[in-house]
Amino acid sequence: MSETTGTGTGAAAIENDLATLREDVSRLADTISTLVADGAATAKGAAADAANTARDKAVSAVDDVSASIEQNPLTAVLIALGVGYVVGALGRRR
């Protein structure tokens, strides 16, 4: 009978250990899920910041080019003609 009682106590201890392990795994899964969500939010914020920075730089470049064209319209026309000529020459060669 002492074997049955010993086995019963051992089985109960194993069941308790398994229950504790299940709780630990559940908490670990919750923690990992939270960390992944936080990482995704951080990455999303960084991507949005990078997109805003790129947009601001593009708008600034367009404004600079527009101001340059307004200040030097003849130069802008000559540059456009030169670029058009080069593109046309490259197109004829192929």
PDB file of N, CA and C in Angstrom:
ATOM      1  N   MET A   1       0.801  -1.180   0.000  1.00  0.00           N
ATOM      2  CA  MET A   1       0.000   0.000   0.000  1.00  0.00           C
ATOM      3  C   MET A   1       0.849   1.252   0.000  1.00  0.00           C
ATOM      4  N   SER A   2       1.996   1.143   0.530  1.00  0.00           N
ATOM      5  CA  SER A   2       2.839   2.320   0.550  1.00  0.00           C
ATOM      6  C   SER A   2       3.252   2.698  -0.872  1.00  0.00           C
ATOM      7  N   GLU A   3       3.343   1.699  -1.762  1.00  0.00           N
ATOM      8  CA  GLU A   3       3.661   2.003  -3.165  1.00  0.00           C
ATOM      9  C   GLU A   3       2.541   2.785  -3.818  1.00  0.00           C
ATOM     10  N   THR A   4       1.294   2.405  -3.578  1.00  0.00           N
ATOM     11  CA  THR A   4       0.151   3.094  -4.161  1.00  0.00           C
ATOM     12  C   THR A   4       0.094   4.527  -3.651  1.00  0.00           C
ATOM     13  N   THR A   5       0.302   4.705  -2.360  1.00  0.00           N
ATOM     14  CA  THR A   5       0.286   6.042  -1.784  1.00  0.00           C
ATOM     15  C   THR A   5       1.447   6.851  -2.346  1.00  0.00           C
ATOM     16  N   GLY A   6       2.612   6.235  -2.478  1.00  0.00           N
ATOM     17  CA  GLY A   6       3.776   6.931  -3.032  1.00  0.00           C
ATOM     18  C   GLY A   6       3.547   7.301  -4.483  1.00  0.00           C
ATOM     19  N   THR A   7       2.947   6.390  -5.242  1.00  0.00           N
ATOM     20  CA  THR A   7       2.664   6.660  -6.641  1.00  0.00           C
ATOM     21  C   THR A   7       1.612   7.748  -6.750  1.00  0.00           C
ATOM     22  N   GLY A   8       0.611   7.698  -5.895  1.00  0.00           N
ATOM     23  CA  GLY A   8      -0.436   8.718  -5.902  1.00  0.00           C
ATOM     24  C   GLY A   8       0.147  10.083  -5.597  1.00  0.00           C
ATOM     25  N   THR A   9       1.033  10.161  -4.631  1.00  0.00           N
ATOM     26  CA  THR A   9       1.655  11.437  -4.279  1.00  0.00           C
ATOM     27  C   THR A   9       2.548  11.901  -5.417  1.00  0.00           C
ATOM     28  N   GLY A  10       3.270  10.968  -6.020  1.00  0.00           N
ATOM     29  CA  GLY A  10       4.113  11.318  -7.153  1.00  0.00           C
ATOM     30  C   GLY A  10       3.287  11.789  -8.330  1.00  0.00           C
ATOM     31  N   ALA A  11       2.166  11.142  -8.583  1.00  0.00           N
ATOM     32  CA  ALA A  11       1.293  11.542  -9.676  1.00  0.00           C
ATOM     33  C   ALA A  11       0.685  12.912  -9.406  1.00  0.00           C
ATOM     34  N   ALA A  12       0.331  13.152  -8.173  1.00  0.00           N
ATOM     35  CA  ALA A  12      -0.232  14.457  -7.822  1.00  0.00           C
ATOM     36  C   ALA A  12       0.820  15.548  -7.998  1.00  0.00           C
ATOM     37  N   ALA A  13       2.044  15.245  -7.622  1.00  0.00           N
ATOM     38  CA  ALA A  13       3.127  16.224  -7.780  1.00  0.00           C
ATOM     39  C   ALA A  13       3.373  16.507  -9.259  1.00  0.00           C
ATOM     40  N   ILE A  14       3.328  15.454 -10.051  1.00  0.00           N
ATOM     41  CA  ILE A  14       3.516  15.629 -11.499  1.00  0.00           C
ATOM     42  C   ILE A  14       2.374  16.458 -12.083  1.00  0.00           C
ATOM     43  N   GLU A  15       1.145  16.169 -11.641  1.00  0.00           N
ATOM     44  CA  GLU A  15      -0.002  16.944 -12.119  1.00  0.00           C
ATOM     45  C   GLU A  15       0.130  18.411 -11.725  1.00  0.00           C
ATOM     46  N   ASN A  16       0.585  18.647 -10.498  1.00  0.00           N
ATOM     47  CA  ASN A  16       0.787  20.037 -10.055  1.00  0.00           C
ATOM     48  C   ASN A  16       1.885  20.714 -10.882  1.00  0.00           C
ATOM     49  N   ASP A  17       2.955  19.976 -11.137  1.00  0.00           N
ATOM     50  CA  ASP A  17       4.045  20.521 -11.940  1.00  0.00           C
ATOM     51  C   ASP A  17       3.569  20.827 -13.364  1.00  0.00           C
ATOM     52  N   LEU A  18       2.771  19.933 -13.930  1.00  0.00           N
ATOM     53  CA  LEU A  18       2.237  20.165 -15.271  1.00  0.00           C
ATOM     54  C   LEU A  18       1.306  21.376 -15.303  1.00  0.00           C
ATOM     55  N   ALA A  19       0.486  21.523 -14.265  1.00  0.00           N
ATOM     56  CA  ALA A  19      -0.411  22.680 -14.193  1.00  0.00           C
ATOM     57  C   ALA A  19       0.403  23.971 -14.092  1.00  0.00           C
ATOM     58  N   THR A  20       1.441  23.946 -13.276  1.00  0.00           N
ATOM     59  CA  THR A  20       2.320  25.120 -13.151  1.00  0.00           C
ATOM     60  C   THR A  20       3.010  25.407 -14.467  1.00  0.00           C
ATOM     61  N   LEU A  21       3.468  24.359 -15.135  1.00  0.00           N
ATOM     62  CA  LEU A  21       4.125  24.518 -16.431  1.00  0.00           C
ATOM     63  C   LEU A  21       3.163  25.112 -17.460  1.00  0.00           C
ATOM     64  N   ARG A  22       1.927  24.647 -17.467  1.00  0.00           N
ATOM     65  CA  ARG A  22       0.929  25.191 -18.390  1.00  0.00           C
ATOM     66  C   ARG A  22       0.703  26.678 -18.128  1.00  0.00           C
ATOM     67  N   GLU A  23       0.613  27.054 -16.864  1.00  0.00           N
ATOM     68  CA  GLU A  23       0.422  28.469 -16.525  1.00  0.00           C
ATOM     69  C   GLU A  23       1.628  29.298 -16.968  1.00  0.00           C
ATOM     70  N   ASP A  24       2.819  28.751 -16.742  1.00  0.00           N
ATOM     71  CA  ASP A  24       4.042  29.467 -17.144  1.00  0.00           C
ATOM     72  C   ASP A  24       4.098  29.636 -18.661  1.00  0.00           C
ATOM     73  N   VAL A  25       3.759  28.592 -19.395  1.00  0.00           N
ATOM     74  CA  VAL A  25       3.769  28.663 -20.856  1.00  0.00           C
ATOM     75  C   VAL A  25       2.717  29.665 -21.337  1.00  0.00           C
ATOM     76  N   SER A  26       1.574  29.687 -20.689  1.00  0.00           N
ATOM     77  CA  SER A  26       0.519  30.630 -21.055  1.00  0.00           C
ATOM     78  C   SER A  26       0.981  32.068 -20.819  1.00  0.00           C
ATOM     79  N   ARG A  27       1.608  32.311 -19.673  1.00  0.00           N
ATOM     80  CA  ARG A  27       2.127  33.656 -19.383  1.00  0.00           C
ATOM     81  C   ARG A  27       3.237  34.033 -20.354  1.00  0.00           C
ATOM     82  N   LEU A  28       4.080  33.066 -20.692  1.00  0.00           N
ATOM     83  CA  LEU A  28       5.155  33.309 -21.649  1.00  0.00           C
ATOM     84  C   LEU A  28       4.587  33.662 -23.024  1.00  0.00           C
ATOM     85  N   ALA A  29       3.567  32.953 -23.441  1.00  0.00           N
ATOM     86  CA  ALA A  29       2.927  33.247 -24.726  1.00  0.00           C
ATOM     87  C   ALA A  29       2.318  34.643 -24.722  1.00  0.00           C
ATOM     88  N   ASP A  30       1.695  35.024 -23.613  1.00  0.00           N
ATOM     89  CA  ASP A  30       1.128  36.369 -23.498  1.00  0.00           C
ATOM     90  C   ASP A  30       2.227  37.431 -23.561  1.00  0.00           C
ATOM     91  N   THR A  31       3.324  37.176 -22.881  1.00  0.00           N
ATOM     92  CA  THR A  31       4.443  38.121 -22.884  1.00  0.00           C
ATOM     93  C   THR A  31       5.028  38.260 -24.278  1.00  0.00           C
ATOM     94  N   ILE A  32       5.225  37.153 -24.972  1.00  0.00           N
ATOM     95  CA  ILE A  32       5.764  37.190 -26.334  1.00  0.00           C
ATOM     96  C   ILE A  32       4.811  37.929 -27.254  1.00  0.00           C
ATOM     97  N   SER A  33       3.529  37.683 -27.107  1.00  0.00           N
ATOM     98  CA  SER A  33       2.528  38.363 -27.925  1.00  0.00           C
ATOM     99  C   SER A  33       2.589  39.877 -27.697  1.00  0.00           C
ATOM    100  N   THR A  34       2.726  40.285 -26.449  1.00  0.00           N
ATOM    101  CA  THR A  34       2.827  41.708 -26.121  1.00  0.00           C
ATOM    102  C   THR A  34       4.095  42.308 -26.714  1.00  0.00           C
ATOM    103  N   LEU A  35       5.206  41.599 -26.606  1.00  0.00           N
ATOM    104  CA  LEU A  35       6.472  42.095 -27.148  1.00  0.00           C
ATOM    105  C   LEU A  35       6.410  42.237 -28.665  1.00  0.00           C
ATOM    106  N   VAL A  36       5.803  41.270 -29.331  1.00  0.00           N
ATOM    107  CA  VAL A  36       5.673  41.337 -30.790  1.00  0.00           C
ATOM    108  C   VAL A  36       4.785  42.519 -31.190  1.00  0.00           C
ATOM    109  N   ALA A  37       3.698  42.714 -30.465  1.00  0.00           N
ATOM    110  CA  ALA A  37       2.802  43.837 -30.768  1.00  0.00           C
ATOM    111  C   ALA A  37       3.522  45.168 -30.549  1.00  0.00           C
ATOM    112  N   ASP A  38       4.293  45.266 -29.460  1.00  0.00           N
ATOM    113  CA  ASP A  38       5.048  46.495 -29.198  1.00  0.00           C
ATOM    114  C   ASP A  38       6.099  46.726 -30.281  1.00  0.00           C
ATOM    115  N   GLY A  39       6.764  45.665 -30.700  1.00  0.00           N
ATOM    116  CA  GLY A  39       7.770  45.784 -31.757  1.00  0.00           C
ATOM    117  C   GLY A  39       7.141  46.216 -33.069  1.00  0.00           C
ATOM    118  N   ALA A  40       5.986  45.681 -33.366  1.00  0.00           N
ATOM    119  CA  ALA A  40       5.290  46.056 -34.605  1.00  0.00           C
ATOM    120  C   ALA A  40       4.869  47.523 -34.545  1.00  0.00           C
ATOM    121  N   ALA A  41       4.393  47.965 -33.398  1.00  0.00           N
ATOM    122  CA  ALA A  41       3.996  49.367 -33.257  1.00  0.00           C
ATOM    123  C   ALA A  41       5.204  50.284 -33.402  1.00  0.00           C
ATOM    124  N   THR A  42       6.325  49.885 -32.836  1.00  0.00           N
ATOM    125  CA  THR A  42       7.550  50.679 -32.957  1.00  0.00           C
ATOM    126  C   THR A  42       8.011  50.743 -34.401  1.00  0.00           C
ATOM    127  N   ALA A  43       7.987  49.606 -35.091  1.00  0.00           N
ATOM    128  CA  ALA A  43       8.389  49.568 -36.501  1.00  0.00           C
ATOM    129  C   ALA A  43       7.441  50.416 -37.354  1.00  0.00           C
ATOM    130  N   LYS A  44       6.164  50.359 -37.059  1.00  0.00           N
ATOM    131  CA  LYS A  44       5.186  51.150 -37.807  1.00  0.00           C
ATOM    132  C   LYS A  44       5.452  52.634 -37.608  1.00  0.00           C
ATOM    133  N   GLY A  45       5.752  53.029 -36.377  1.00  0.00           N
ATOM    134  CA  GLY A  45       6.061  54.428 -36.094  1.00  0.00           C
ATOM    135  C   GLY A  45       7.320  54.884 -36.806  1.00  0.00           C
ATOM    136  N   ALA A  46       8.351  54.030 -36.809  1.00  0.00           N
ATOM    137  CA  ALA A  46       9.600  54.370 -37.490  1.00  0.00           C
ATOM    138  C   ALA A  46       9.383  54.498 -38.998  1.00  0.00           C
ATOM    139  N   ALA A  47       8.580  53.613 -39.559  1.00  0.00           N
ATOM    140  CA  ALA A  47       8.290  53.681 -40.993  1.00  0.00           C
ATOM    141  C   ALA A  47       7.514  54.950 -41.331  1.00  0.00           C
ATOM    142  N   ALA A  48       6.575  55.313 -40.485  1.00  0.00           N
ATOM    143  CA  ALA A  48       5.805  56.538 -40.716  1.00  0.00           C
ATOM    144  C   ALA A  48       6.712  57.760 -40.633  1.00  0.00           C
ATOM    145  N   ASP A  49       7.623  57.764 -39.663  1.00  0.00           N
ATOM    146  CA  ASP A  49       8.567  58.880 -39.540  1.00  0.00           C
ATOM    147  C   ASP A  49       9.462  58.974 -40.772  1.00  0.00           C
ATOM    148  N   ALA A  50       9.940  57.835 -41.245  1.00  0.00           N
ATOM    149  CA  ALA A  50      10.802  57.823 -42.431  1.00  0.00           C
ATOM    150  C   ALA A  50      10.034  58.314 -43.659  1.00  0.00           C
ATOM    151  N   ALA A  51       8.782  57.900 -43.791  1.00  0.00           N
ATOM    152  CA  ALA A  51       7.962  58.340 -44.928  1.00  0.00           C
ATOM    153  C   ALA A  51       7.716  59.843 -44.864  1.00  0.00           C
ATOM    154  N   ASN A  52       7.447  60.354 -43.669  1.00  0.00           N
ATOM    155  CA  ASN A  52       7.230  61.798 -43.521  1.00  0.00           C
ATOM    156  C   ASN A  52       8.495  62.583 -43.849  1.00  0.00           C
ATOM    157  N   THR A  53       9.635  62.077 -43.407  1.00  0.00           N
ATOM    158  CA  THR A  53      10.906  62.738 -43.703  1.00  0.00           C
ATOM    159  C   THR A  53      11.172  62.745 -45.202  1.00  0.00           C
ATOM    160  N   ALA A  54      10.954  61.608 -45.861  1.00  0.00           N
ATOM    161  CA  ALA A  54      11.163  61.521 -47.310  1.00  0.00           C
ATOM    162  C   ALA A  54      10.222  62.462 -48.052  1.00  0.00           C
ATOM    163  N   ARG A  55       8.971  62.520 -47.618  1.00  0.00           N
ATOM    164  CA  ARG A  55       7.997  63.416 -48.253  1.00  0.00           C
ATOM    165  C   ARG A  55       8.415  64.870 -48.080  1.00  0.00           C
ATOM    166  N   ASP A  56       8.850  65.226 -46.874  1.00  0.00           N
ATOM    167  CA  ASP A  56       9.285  66.597 -46.625  1.00  0.00           C
ATOM    168  C   ASP A  56      10.484  66.969 -47.496  1.00  0.00           C
ATOM    169  N   LYS A  57      11.431  66.035 -47.643  1.00  0.00           N
ATOM    170  CA  LYS A  57      12.603  66.303 -48.487  1.00  0.00           C
ATOM    171  C   LYS A  57      12.202  66.446 -49.954  1.00  0.00           C
ATOM    172  N   ALA A  58      11.271  65.628 -50.410  1.00  0.00           N
ATOM    173  CA  ALA A  58      10.811  65.716 -51.805  1.00  0.00           C
ATOM    174  C   ALA A  58      10.103  67.040 -52.055  1.00  0.00           C
ATOM    175  N   VAL A  59       9.263  67.455 -51.129  1.00  0.00           N
ATOM    176  CA  VAL A  59       8.557  68.729 -51.272  1.00  0.00           C
ATOM    177  C   VAL A  59       9.565  69.872 -51.281  1.00  0.00           C
ATOM    178  N   SER A  60      10.554  69.794 -50.419  1.00  0.00           N
ATOM    179  CA  SER A  60      11.593  70.824 -50.375  1.00  0.00           C
ATOM    180  C   SER A  60      12.373  70.885 -51.692  1.00  0.00           C
ATOM    181  N   ALA A  61      12.700  69.719 -52.252  1.00  0.00           N
ATOM    182  CA  ALA A  61      13.431  69.675 -53.519  1.00  0.00           C
ATOM    183  C   ALA A  61      12.591  70.274 -54.644  1.00  0.00           C
ATOM    184  N   VAL A  62      11.307  69.953 -54.677  1.00  0.00           N
ATOM    185  CA  VAL A  62      10.415  70.507 -55.705  1.00  0.00           C
ATOM    186  C   VAL A  62      10.337  72.023 -55.562  1.00  0.00           C
ATOM    187  N   ASP A  63      10.237  72.489 -54.326  1.00  0.00           N
ATOM    188  CA  ASP A  63      10.188  73.934 -54.101  1.00  0.00           C
ATOM    189  C   ASP A  63      11.477  74.603 -54.561  1.00  0.00           C
ATOM    190  N   ASP A  64      12.625  73.965 -54.274  1.00  0.00           N
ATOM    191  CA  ASP A  64      13.917  74.523 -54.694  1.00  0.00           C
ATOM    192  C   ASP A  64      14.020  74.592 -56.214  1.00  0.00           C
ATOM    193  N   VAL A  65      13.601  73.530 -56.889  1.00  0.00           N
ATOM    194  CA  VAL A  65      13.658  73.513 -58.352  1.00  0.00           C
ATOM    195  C   VAL A  65      12.708  74.564 -58.926  1.00  0.00           C
ATOM    196  N   SER A  66      11.531  74.679 -58.362  1.00  0.00           N
ATOM    197  CA  SER A  66      10.563  75.680 -58.838  1.00  0.00           C
ATOM    198  C   SER A  66      11.121  77.092 -58.673  1.00  0.00           C
ATOM    199  N   ALA A  67      11.732  77.348 -57.535  1.00  0.00           N
ATOM    200  CA  ALA A  67      12.316  78.675 -57.304  1.00  0.00           C
ATOM    201  C   ALA A  67      13.455  78.934 -58.282  1.00  0.00           C
ATOM    202  N   SER A  68      14.265  77.934 -58.550  1.00  0.00           N
ATOM    203  CA  SER A  68      15.375  78.083 -59.490  1.00  0.00           C
ATOM    204  C   SER A  68      14.864  78.355 -60.904  1.00  0.00           C
ATOM    205  N   ILE A  69      13.800  77.684 -61.295  1.00  0.00           N
ATOM    206  CA  ILE A  69      13.218  77.894 -62.630  1.00  0.00           C
ATOM    207  C   ILE A  69      12.653  79.304 -62.731  1.00  0.00           C
ATOM    208  N   GLU A  70      11.999  79.763 -61.663  1.00  0.00           N
ATOM    209  CA  GLU A  70      11.441  81.121 -61.681  1.00  0.00           C
ATOM    210  C   GLU A  70      12.541  82.175 -61.764  1.00  0.00           C
ATOM    211  N   GLN A  71      13.668  81.909 -61.108  1.00  0.00           N
ATOM    212  CA  GLN A  71      14.763  82.885 -61.119  1.00  0.00           C
ATOM    213  C   GLN A  71      15.533  82.867 -62.435  1.00  0.00           C
ATOM    214  N   ASN A  72      15.658  81.701 -63.060  1.00  0.00           N
ATOM    215  CA  ASN A  72      16.442  81.554 -64.289  1.00  0.00           C
ATOM    216  C   ASN A  72      15.652  80.771 -65.342  1.00  0.00           C
ATOM    217  N   PRO A  73      14.634  81.364 -65.932  1.00  0.00           N
ATOM    218  CA  PRO A  73      13.804  80.612 -66.873  1.00  0.00           C
ATOM    219  C   PRO A  73      14.549  80.216 -68.154  1.00  0.00           C
ATOM    220  N   LEU A  74      15.419  81.073 -68.645  1.00  0.00           N
ATOM    221  CA  LEU A  74      16.142  80.756 -69.868  1.00  0.00           C
ATOM    222  C   LEU A  74      17.085  79.571 -69.643  1.00  0.00           C
ATOM    223  N   THR A  75      17.770  79.554 -68.525  1.00  0.00           N
ATOM    224  CA  THR A  75      18.664  78.434 -68.191  1.00  0.00           C
ATOM    225  C   THR A  75      17.865  77.137 -68.078  1.00  0.00           C
ATOM    226  N   ALA A  76      16.693  77.208 -67.457  1.00  0.00           N
ATOM    227  CA  ALA A  76      15.851  76.016 -67.302  1.00  0.00           C
ATOM    228  C   ALA A  76      15.420  75.473 -68.659  1.00  0.00           C
ATOM    229  N   VAL A  77      15.056  76.377 -69.576  1.00  0.00           N
ATOM    230  CA  VAL A  77      14.641  75.946 -70.913  1.00  0.00           C
ATOM    231  C   VAL A  77      15.814  75.306 -71.648  1.00  0.00           C
ATOM    232  N   LEU A  78      16.989  75.912 -71.557  1.00  0.00           N
ATOM    233  CA  LEU A  78      18.171  75.345 -72.219  1.00  0.00           C
ATOM    234  C   LEU A  78      18.544  73.976 -71.642  1.00  0.00           C
ATOM    235  N   ILE A  79      18.442  73.837 -70.343  1.00  0.00           N
ATOM    236  CA  ILE A  79      18.727  72.527 -69.724  1.00  0.00           C
ATOM    237  C   ILE A  79      17.712  71.495 -70.214  1.00  0.00           C
ATOM    238  N   ALA A  80      16.432  71.871 -70.273  1.00  0.00           N
ATOM    239  CA  ALA A  80      15.399  70.941 -70.748  1.00  0.00           C
ATOM    240  C   ALA A  80      15.654  70.543 -72.193  1.00  0.00           C
ATOM    241  N   LEU A  81      16.058  71.487 -73.018  1.00  0.00           N
ATOM    242  CA  LEU A  81      16.376  71.166 -74.418  1.00  0.00           C
ATOM    243  C   LEU A  81      17.572  70.215 -74.499  1.00  0.00           C
ATOM    244  N   GLY A  82      18.582  70.466 -73.703  1.00  0.00           N
ATOM    245  CA  GLY A  82      19.762  69.594 -73.698  1.00  0.00           C
ATOM    246  C   GLY A  82      19.421  68.180 -73.261  1.00  0.00           C
ATOM    247  N   VAL A  83      18.638  68.057 -72.211  1.00  0.00           N
ATOM    248  CA  VAL A  83      18.233  66.724 -71.737  1.00  0.00           C
ATOM    249  C   VAL A  83      17.395  66.031 -72.801  1.00  0.00           C
ATOM    250  N   GLY A  84      16.496  66.755 -73.420  1.00  0.00           N
ATOM    251  CA  GLY A  84      15.665  66.174 -74.484  1.00  0.00           C
ATOM    252  C   GLY A  84      16.506  65.697 -75.658  1.00  0.00           C
ATOM    253  N   TYR A  85      17.503  66.480 -76.019  1.00  0.00           N
ATOM    254  CA  TYR A  85      18.388  66.091 -77.117  1.00  0.00           C
ATOM    255  C   TYR A  85      19.148  64.809 -76.785  1.00  0.00           C
ATOM    256  N   VAL A  86      19.696  64.745 -75.564  1.00  0.00           N
ATOM    257  CA  VAL A  86      20.450  63.554 -75.155  1.00  0.00           C
ATOM    258  C   VAL A  86      19.552  62.320 -75.136  1.00  0.00           C
ATOM    259  N   VAL A  87      18.372  62.446 -74.585  1.00  0.00           N
ATOM    260  CA  VAL A  87      17.439  61.314 -74.538  1.00  0.00           C
ATOM    261  C   VAL A  87      17.053  60.890 -75.955  1.00  0.00           C
ATOM    262  N   GLY A  88      16.816  61.862 -76.835  1.00  0.00           N
ATOM    263  CA  GLY A  88      16.481  61.544 -78.229  1.00  0.00           C
ATOM    264  C   GLY A  88      17.631  60.860 -78.939  1.00  0.00           C
ATOM    265  N   ALA A  89      18.857  61.321 -78.693  1.00  0.00           N
ATOM    266  CA  ALA A  89      20.031  60.707 -79.320  1.00  0.00           C
ATOM    267  C   ALA A  89      20.218  59.270 -78.833  1.00  0.00           C
ATOM    268  N   LEU A  90      20.011  59.042 -77.570  1.00  0.00           N
ATOM    269  CA  LEU A  90      20.129  57.681 -77.031  1.00  0.00           C
ATOM    270  C   LEU A  90      19.048  56.770 -77.594  1.00  0.00           C
ATOM    271  N   GLY A  91      17.868  57.334 -77.808  1.00  0.00           N
ATOM    272  CA  GLY A  91      16.762  56.551 -78.359  1.00  0.00           C
ATOM    273  C   GLY A  91      16.997  56.150 -79.798  1.00  0.00           C
ATOM    274  N   ARG A  92      17.664  56.977 -80.558  1.00  0.00           N
ATOM    275  CA  ARG A  92      17.937  56.663 -81.966  1.00  0.00           C
ATOM    276  C   ARG A  92      19.005  55.596 -82.115  1.00  0.00           C
ATOM    277  N   ARG A  93      19.920  55.522 -81.209  1.00  0.00           N
ATOM    278  CA  ARG A  93      21.011  54.554 -81.292  1.00  0.00           C
ATOM    279  C   ARG A  93      20.519  53.126 -81.077  1.00  0.00           C
ATOM    280  N   ARG A  94      19.476  52.968 -80.379  1.00  0.00           N
ATOM    281  CA  ARG A  94      18.991  51.620 -80.068  1.00  0.00           C
ATOM    282  C   ARG A  94      17.997  51.242 -81.052  1.00  0.00           C
TER     283      ARG A  94
END
